[in-house]
Every structure is written in structure tokens, then in C-alpha cells.
Amino acid sequence: MKIKVTVQLKPAILDPQGKAVEQGLQTLGFNARHVRIGRAIEFDVEAPTPEAARAEAQKMCEALLVNPIMEKAIIEVLS
């Protein structure tokens, strides 16, 4: 099954890269506010059910993909 994990900084963590992008967009005339930068990780998992695939992805996040002190993960099972 195809998994997509979106990793974002927690709301309380400062995001200097997001702030720089926000200022750049505003300089270009866009009304962008509260910009946060994250990353997306996609991979395939062998699992019998979507729930099992999500559980496996959660274990991967806890073991390697996410720093739980600063980041949060949104896990999507795509297929």
C-alpha cells in the first residue's frame, strides 16, 4: 500500500524557513500568512489492511522519520 507521511513542525516551534517564504510572498504581493514549511515522504508498505499499513507507518515515524519533540506527522494511506 502507498503511504504518504507529511512531517510538520509543531505549532509552538519557530519556523524561520516558513517566515522567510511568507515575507517573500508578501513582497511579491501575495496575501500569505502563517506559512509553515514541512516535508512529504512517500513509500510502499506490504500490509493486509489499510489499518495495518497505517500502524507500520506510525512505527516508522516513531523510529526514524519524525523528531517527536519538534515535529508532528500526518499519515495517509493512499491505496
N, C-alpha and C. Protein backbone atom coordinates (compact mmCIF):
# COMPACT_ATOMS: atom_id res chain seq x y z
N MET A 1 0.84 -1.18 0.00
CA MET A 1 0.00 0.00 0.00
C MET A 1 0.88 1.25 0.00
N LYS A 2 0.41 2.25 -0.70
CA LYS A 2 1.13 3.52 -0.79
C LYS A 2 0.81 4.37 0.43
N ILE A 3 1.87 4.87 1.07
CA ILE A 3 1.75 5.70 2.27
C ILE A 3 2.36 7.07 1.99
N LYS A 4 1.71 8.11 2.49
CA LYS A 4 2.28 9.45 2.44
C LYS A 4 2.32 9.98 3.87
N VAL A 5 3.51 10.37 4.31
CA VAL A 5 3.69 10.97 5.63
C VAL A 5 4.08 12.43 5.42
N THR A 6 3.29 13.33 5.96
CA THR A 6 3.62 14.74 5.93
C THR A 6 4.14 15.11 7.32
N VAL A 7 5.36 15.62 7.36
CA VAL A 7 6.00 15.99 8.62
C VAL A 7 6.04 17.51 8.71
N GLN A 8 5.52 18.02 9.81
CA GLN A 8 5.48 19.47 10.02
C GLN A 8 6.01 19.79 11.41
N LEU A 9 6.56 20.99 11.55
CA LEU A 9 6.95 21.45 12.87
C LEU A 9 5.69 21.65 13.71
N LYS A 10 5.78 21.37 15.00
CA LYS A 10 4.67 21.63 15.89
C LYS A 10 4.41 23.13 15.95
N PRO A 11 3.17 23.54 16.23
CA PRO A 11 2.84 24.97 16.21
C PRO A 11 3.70 25.83 17.13
N ALA A 12 4.16 25.30 18.23
CA ALA A 12 4.94 26.10 19.18
C ALA A 12 6.40 26.29 18.76
N ILE A 13 6.83 25.58 17.73
CA ILE A 13 8.22 25.65 17.27
C ILE A 13 8.34 26.73 16.20
N LEU A 14 9.32 27.61 16.36
CA LEU A 14 9.56 28.66 15.36
C LEU A 14 9.98 28.03 14.04
N ASP A 15 9.53 28.62 12.93
CA ASP A 15 9.82 28.11 11.59
C ASP A 15 10.45 29.24 10.77
N PRO A 16 11.78 29.45 10.89
CA PRO A 16 12.40 30.55 10.16
C PRO A 16 12.29 30.41 8.64
N GLN A 17 12.31 29.19 8.14
CA GLN A 17 12.16 28.99 6.70
C GLN A 17 10.75 29.40 6.26
N GLY A 18 9.75 29.03 7.02
CA GLY A 18 8.38 29.44 6.71
C GLY A 18 8.22 30.95 6.75
N LYS A 19 8.85 31.57 7.75
CA LYS A 19 8.78 33.04 7.86
C LYS A 19 9.42 33.71 6.65
N ALA A 20 10.56 33.18 6.18
CA ALA A 20 11.22 33.75 5.01
C ALA A 20 10.35 33.62 3.77
N VAL A 21 9.70 32.47 3.61
CA VAL A 21 8.80 32.27 2.46
C VAL A 21 7.60 33.21 2.58
N GLU A 22 7.06 33.34 3.77
CA GLU A 22 5.92 34.25 3.98
C GLU A 22 6.29 35.68 3.59
N GLN A 23 7.45 36.15 4.04
CA GLN A 23 7.88 37.51 3.70
C GLN A 23 8.12 37.66 2.20
N GLY A 24 8.70 36.64 1.59
CA GLY A 24 8.91 36.69 0.15
C GLY A 24 7.61 36.76 -0.63
N LEU A 25 6.64 35.97 -0.23
CA LEU A 25 5.33 36.00 -0.90
C LEU A 25 4.65 37.35 -0.72
N GLN A 26 4.75 37.90 0.48
CA GLN A 26 4.15 39.22 0.72
C GLN A 26 4.84 40.30 -0.10
N THR A 27 6.16 40.19 -0.24
CA THR A 27 6.91 41.14 -1.07
C THR A 27 6.44 41.08 -2.52
N LEU A 28 6.06 39.89 -2.96
CA LEU A 28 5.57 39.72 -4.33
C LEU A 28 4.09 40.09 -4.48
N GLY A 29 3.47 40.52 -3.39
CA GLY A 29 2.09 40.99 -3.47
C GLY A 29 1.05 39.95 -3.08
N PHE A 30 1.47 38.79 -2.61
CA PHE A 30 0.52 37.77 -2.20
C PHE A 30 0.14 37.96 -0.74
N ASN A 31 -1.08 37.61 -0.39
CA ASN A 31 -1.55 37.76 0.97
C ASN A 31 -1.41 36.43 1.71
N ALA A 32 -0.19 35.97 1.88
CA ALA A 32 0.08 34.70 2.57
C ALA A 32 0.40 34.98 4.02
N ARG A 33 -0.20 34.20 4.92
CA ARG A 33 0.05 34.37 6.35
C ARG A 33 0.23 33.00 6.99
N HIS A 34 0.99 32.99 8.05
CA HIS A 34 1.20 31.78 8.86
C HIS A 34 1.78 30.63 8.02
N VAL A 35 2.77 30.93 7.20
CA VAL A 35 3.40 29.92 6.34
C VAL A 35 4.26 28.99 7.20
N ARG A 36 4.09 27.69 7.01
CA ARG A 36 4.89 26.68 7.69
C ARG A 36 5.46 25.75 6.62
N ILE A 37 6.71 25.40 6.76
CA ILE A 37 7.37 24.51 5.81
C ILE A 37 7.46 23.12 6.43
N GLY A 38 7.19 22.12 5.63
CA GLY A 38 7.29 20.74 6.08
C GLY A 38 7.94 19.89 5.01
N ARG A 39 7.78 18.60 5.15
CA ARG A 39 8.30 17.69 4.12
C ARG A 39 7.33 16.54 3.96
N ALA A 40 7.33 15.97 2.77
CA ALA A 40 6.47 14.81 2.47
C ALA A 40 7.36 13.62 2.16
N ILE A 41 6.97 12.48 2.71
CA ILE A 41 7.70 11.23 2.48
C ILE A 41 6.68 10.22 1.97
N GLU A 42 6.95 9.62 0.81
CA GLU A 42 6.05 8.60 0.26
C GLU A 42 6.80 7.29 0.14
N PHE A 43 6.10 6.21 0.45
CA PHE A 43 6.70 4.88 0.34
C PHE A 43 5.60 3.83 0.26
N ASP A 44 5.99 2.63 -0.12
CA ASP A 44 5.07 1.49 -0.18
C ASP A 44 5.31 0.60 1.03
N VAL A 45 4.23 0.02 1.54
CA VAL A 45 4.28 -0.89 2.68
C VAL A 45 3.47 -2.13 2.33
N GLU A 46 4.04 -3.29 2.60
CA GLU A 46 3.29 -4.53 2.46
C GLU A 46 2.46 -4.72 3.73
N ALA A 47 1.13 -4.69 3.58
CA ALA A 47 0.25 -4.85 4.74
C ALA A 47 -1.09 -5.41 4.27
N PRO A 48 -1.73 -6.22 5.10
CA PRO A 48 -3.01 -6.83 4.71
C PRO A 48 -4.19 -5.87 4.69
N THR A 49 -4.12 -4.78 5.50
CA THR A 49 -5.22 -3.82 5.58
C THR A 49 -4.67 -2.40 5.66
N PRO A 50 -5.50 -1.42 5.34
CA PRO A 50 -5.06 -0.03 5.49
C PRO A 50 -4.68 0.30 6.95
N GLU A 51 -5.39 -0.27 7.89
CA GLU A 51 -5.09 -0.03 9.30
C GLU A 51 -3.71 -0.56 9.67
N ALA A 52 -3.37 -1.74 9.16
CA ALA A 52 -2.05 -2.32 9.42
C ALA A 52 -0.95 -1.49 8.76
N ALA A 53 -1.24 -0.98 7.56
CA ALA A 53 -0.27 -0.13 6.86
C ALA A 53 -0.04 1.16 7.65
N ARG A 54 -1.11 1.75 8.16
CA ARG A 54 -1.00 2.98 8.96
C ARG A 54 -0.19 2.71 10.23
N ALA A 55 -0.44 1.58 10.88
CA ALA A 55 0.28 1.23 12.10
C ALA A 55 1.77 1.05 11.82
N GLU A 56 2.09 0.44 10.69
CA GLU A 56 3.50 0.25 10.32
C GLU A 56 4.17 1.61 10.05
N ALA A 57 3.45 2.49 9.35
CA ALA A 57 3.98 3.82 9.08
C ALA A 57 4.17 4.60 10.38
N GLN A 58 3.26 4.43 11.33
CA GLN A 58 3.40 5.10 12.63
C GLN A 58 4.67 4.63 13.33
N LYS A 59 4.95 3.35 13.27
CA LYS A 59 6.17 2.82 13.87
C LYS A 59 7.41 3.42 13.20
N MET A 60 7.37 3.56 11.88
CA MET A 60 8.49 4.16 11.14
C MET A 60 8.70 5.61 11.58
N CYS A 61 7.60 6.33 11.77
CA CYS A 61 7.70 7.73 12.21
C CYS A 61 8.35 7.80 13.58
N GLU A 62 7.92 6.94 14.48
CA GLU A 62 8.46 6.95 15.84
C GLU A 62 9.93 6.53 15.87
N ALA A 63 10.32 5.62 14.97
CA ALA A 63 11.69 5.10 14.97
C ALA A 63 12.69 6.01 14.27
N LEU A 64 12.26 6.71 13.21
CA LEU A 64 13.23 7.42 12.38
C LEU A 64 12.72 8.70 11.72
N LEU A 65 11.53 8.70 11.22
CA LEU A 65 11.10 9.77 10.31
C LEU A 65 10.76 11.10 10.98
N VAL A 66 10.40 11.07 12.26
CA VAL A 66 9.90 12.27 12.93
C VAL A 66 10.65 12.48 14.25
N ASN A 67 11.00 13.72 14.52
CA ASN A 67 11.53 14.10 15.83
C ASN A 67 10.33 14.52 16.67
N PRO A 68 9.87 13.66 17.58
CA PRO A 68 8.61 13.94 18.29
C PRO A 68 8.66 15.17 19.20
N ILE A 69 9.83 15.65 19.50
CA ILE A 69 9.94 16.85 20.34
C ILE A 69 9.53 18.09 19.54
N MET A 70 9.90 18.12 18.26
CA MET A 70 9.68 19.31 17.44
C MET A 70 8.66 19.13 16.33
N GLU A 71 8.38 17.89 15.94
CA GLU A 71 7.58 17.66 14.73
C GLU A 71 6.36 16.79 15.02
N LYS A 72 5.41 16.89 14.09
CA LYS A 72 4.25 16.02 14.11
C LYS A 72 4.11 15.39 12.73
N ALA A 73 3.46 14.24 12.67
CA ALA A 73 3.29 13.53 11.40
C ALA A 73 1.81 13.36 11.09
N ILE A 74 1.49 13.51 9.82
CA ILE A 74 0.14 13.20 9.31
C ILE A 74 0.33 12.04 8.36
N ILE A 75 -0.29 10.91 8.67
CA ILE A 75 -0.13 9.70 7.87
C ILE A 75 -1.37 9.48 7.04
N GLU A 76 -1.16 9.29 5.73
CA GLU A 76 -2.26 8.99 4.80
C GLU A 76 -1.97 7.66 4.12
N VAL A 77 -2.98 6.79 4.07
CA VAL A 77 -2.88 5.57 3.28
C VAL A 77 -3.56 5.89 1.95
N LEU A 78 -2.77 5.90 0.88
CA LEU A 78 -3.28 6.35 -0.42
C LEU A 78 -3.91 5.23 -1.23
N SER A 79 -3.44 4.00 -1.05
CA SER A 79 -4.04 2.88 -1.78
C SER A 79 -3.75 1.58 -1.08
